[in-house]
Amino acid sequence: MGLLIYNWCKDCHAPWERRRDTKGEGTMPSELKRVKASLDLMHKGKLSACQKRLLSQGLHNPNDSDIHRQLLDVHPPRQRAVPAAAPPSAARLSINLRETFRKAQRLKALGPTGLRNEYLRVLAMEHEDLRARLVIGLYKDIAARLINGDLPSWFVVAWTRSRLVALRKTPKPGCELHPPVPRPITTGECALTAITTAVHRDFLPAFGAHLAPEQLAVGVKGGAGILVHGMRLRMQRNPQHVFLKLDCTAAFPTVWRSTILERLQEVPGLDGYAAFAHARLSVGRRVHAGRGMQRLFAGDGDGAGRLADADEGIGQGQADSPALFCIAIHSEVKAFSAALARRYTATMARRPSLWTTASPARRRPPSSLRR
């Protein structure tokens, strides 16, 4: 317990160190540091994180003028008003918060205040101290209020703020000489992330039932395997076909929140989740990045008067972002699949990418889809 308290003090001090930082962040990790960090993760049993660290290209510096401008460009002001109120839900939602905290993943990234999942896991333990035993109940009450849309908007704005890092992306073939394009990844408060993960897990069957078979990224067991092996088998059986992949640029941070909320309301079985999404997406999100952990739009002329940094879009790295994005584009994916049914015999989507096969003579989409 003493080590945990020491780490807690150290982690809570980290955000203030970032705020005082005058050198900024964003360097290409050296081979030695990358291997050392990867081995440390391997010794802790985090094999997936170990692999990601070995392949990591490091971070961009958000204070670099070119990188900062690109981050601003992918966080546009609100384009359309969101629904004024959440749809009525048949029943109030609740989650088993003790079990959620107990299973919170270790060694995850720090949020904007330095709290970690390890502290949530301690709260889930059985305590002799009466005050310690009451904490889970208090957390459960505030979680239920958030999930059902009962918290005031100012509280939600404060709780949903996040820390942004700009990942270095491996250039796509043919784009090696183009200016680097950062990938914004956000990390929110660990308690809110754990709550979102738990609610999203409960609704995965409903998401999968609505999105399949056109979309396999959410709620479909083995969806990635179905996509990869299905497309491989199809190409083997039709060697004259070509493989096409369509990708979206800045998909998550620029998708319209109004579209997400409107379409969530139309899906049977997701009315409860629509209320939870409305509570978080109806208000803007404050994003902190770079030197001094400043607001993303702080000091920028284009951001003068903006109460939030992310009025549209969803944070890449959040538990339910893939599901919300898939809901937003599902009508277009279905229309695309139906329009190509006579020419393209296989179309499947996975998050912001769409995969399809076709014979070389029919590679050009119909004119209605080229507009």
Foldseek 3Di string as FASTA:
>chain_A
DVVVVVLQVVLLCVLVVLLQDPVKDWDFDDQVVLQVVLVVCVVVVNNVVSVCSNVFRTFHGCPPPVQLVLVLVLQDAADDAADPAADDDPDQDFFDQLVLLLPQDPPDDAWNRRDGSVVSNVLSDDDPDPVSVCPSVVLRVVLSCLLQLNDDLVVLQVQFAWEWTWGFDDDDPPCPVPPTHTDIAIDGHSSVLSSVQRVQVVCQCLLVVVQPDQEQATSHVCSVVCVVVVVVVVCVVVVLKDKDKDFDDSQFLAQHLNLLLVLQCVRPPRSSVSSSSCSNLNDAYWYFYIRSRDTSCPPPPVCPPPPHSHNGGDGHHGNCSQSSSSSSCRVVSVVQCVQCVVFWVDWHDHRRMIMTMGRPVPPDGDPVVVD
